[in-house]
Amino acid sequence: MTSPHAPNPNPRAAGIALAILPLVGTFVGGLYRQPSLGLVIGVGAGALIAVLFWLFDRRR
């Protein structure tokens, strides 16, 4: 029997968002001649997605 608060054995990997979105943001920002702003937006979006994944995994 498992306890109701047993850790989830299959958490989702959100690190890919932190790895890919800053690169995509930099590339897209470069198209608009604002690569630094694209990097910042990419890091922010990646962090937001990672936190959302973490929150949803806590509830599962």
Protein backbone atom coordinates (compact mmCIF):
# COMPACT_ATOMS: atom_id res chain seq x y z
CA MET A 1 0.00 0.00 0.00
CA THR A 2 1.32 3.43 -0.86
CA SER A 3 0.86 6.52 1.21
CA PRO A 4 -1.24 9.37 -0.26
CA HIS A 5 1.84 11.62 -0.27
CA ALA A 6 4.25 9.27 -2.01
CA PRO A 7 6.59 11.06 -4.44
CA ASN A 8 5.72 10.77 -8.09
CA PRO A 9 8.07 8.23 -9.69
CA ASN A 10 7.76 9.88 -13.13
CA PRO A 11 8.22 13.64 -12.85
CA ARG A 12 8.23 15.66 -16.06
CA ALA A 13 11.50 17.11 -17.25
CA ALA A 14 11.13 20.88 -17.50
CA GLY A 15 14.84 21.58 -17.90
CA ILE A 16 14.50 21.44 -21.67
CA ALA A 17 12.49 24.69 -21.51
CA LEU A 18 15.35 26.33 -19.63
CA ALA A 19 17.81 25.08 -22.22
CA ILE A 20 15.96 25.73 -25.49
CA LEU A 21 13.87 28.87 -24.95
CA PRO A 22 16.79 31.24 -24.25
CA LEU A 23 18.42 30.07 -27.48
CA VAL A 24 15.20 30.50 -29.43
CA GLY A 25 14.65 33.90 -27.81
CA THR A 26 18.13 35.03 -28.77
CA PHE A 27 17.62 33.91 -32.36
CA VAL A 28 14.21 35.56 -32.67
CA GLY A 29 15.50 38.69 -30.92
CA GLY A 30 18.38 38.76 -33.39
CA LEU A 31 15.89 38.89 -36.24
CA TYR A 32 14.47 42.04 -34.64
CA ARG A 33 17.99 43.34 -33.84
CA GLN A 34 17.39 42.89 -30.10
CA PRO A 35 19.17 39.63 -29.15
CA SER A 36 19.65 40.63 -25.49
CA LEU A 37 15.95 41.32 -25.07
CA GLY A 38 15.17 38.02 -26.80
CA LEU A 39 17.49 36.22 -24.39
CA VAL A 40 15.82 37.80 -21.36
CA ILE A 41 12.35 36.95 -22.66
CA GLY A 42 13.49 33.40 -23.46
CA VAL A 43 14.91 32.88 -19.96
CA GLY A 44 11.71 34.28 -18.43
CA ALA A 45 9.49 32.06 -20.56
CA GLY A 46 11.65 29.01 -19.80
CA ALA A 47 11.55 29.72 -16.07
CA LEU A 48 7.79 30.21 -16.18
CA ILE A 49 7.27 26.90 -17.98
CA ALA A 50 9.63 25.10 -15.57
CA VAL A 51 7.76 26.46 -12.55
CA LEU A 52 4.40 25.53 -14.06
CA PHE A 53 5.62 21.98 -14.73
CA TRP A 54 6.87 21.77 -11.14
CA LEU A 55 3.52 22.97 -9.76
CA PHE A 56 1.55 20.51 -11.86
CA ASP A 57 3.89 17.66 -10.88
CA ARG A 58 3.39 18.48 -7.20
CA ARG A 59 -0.37 18.00 -7.62
CA ARG A 60 -0.11 14.67 -9.45
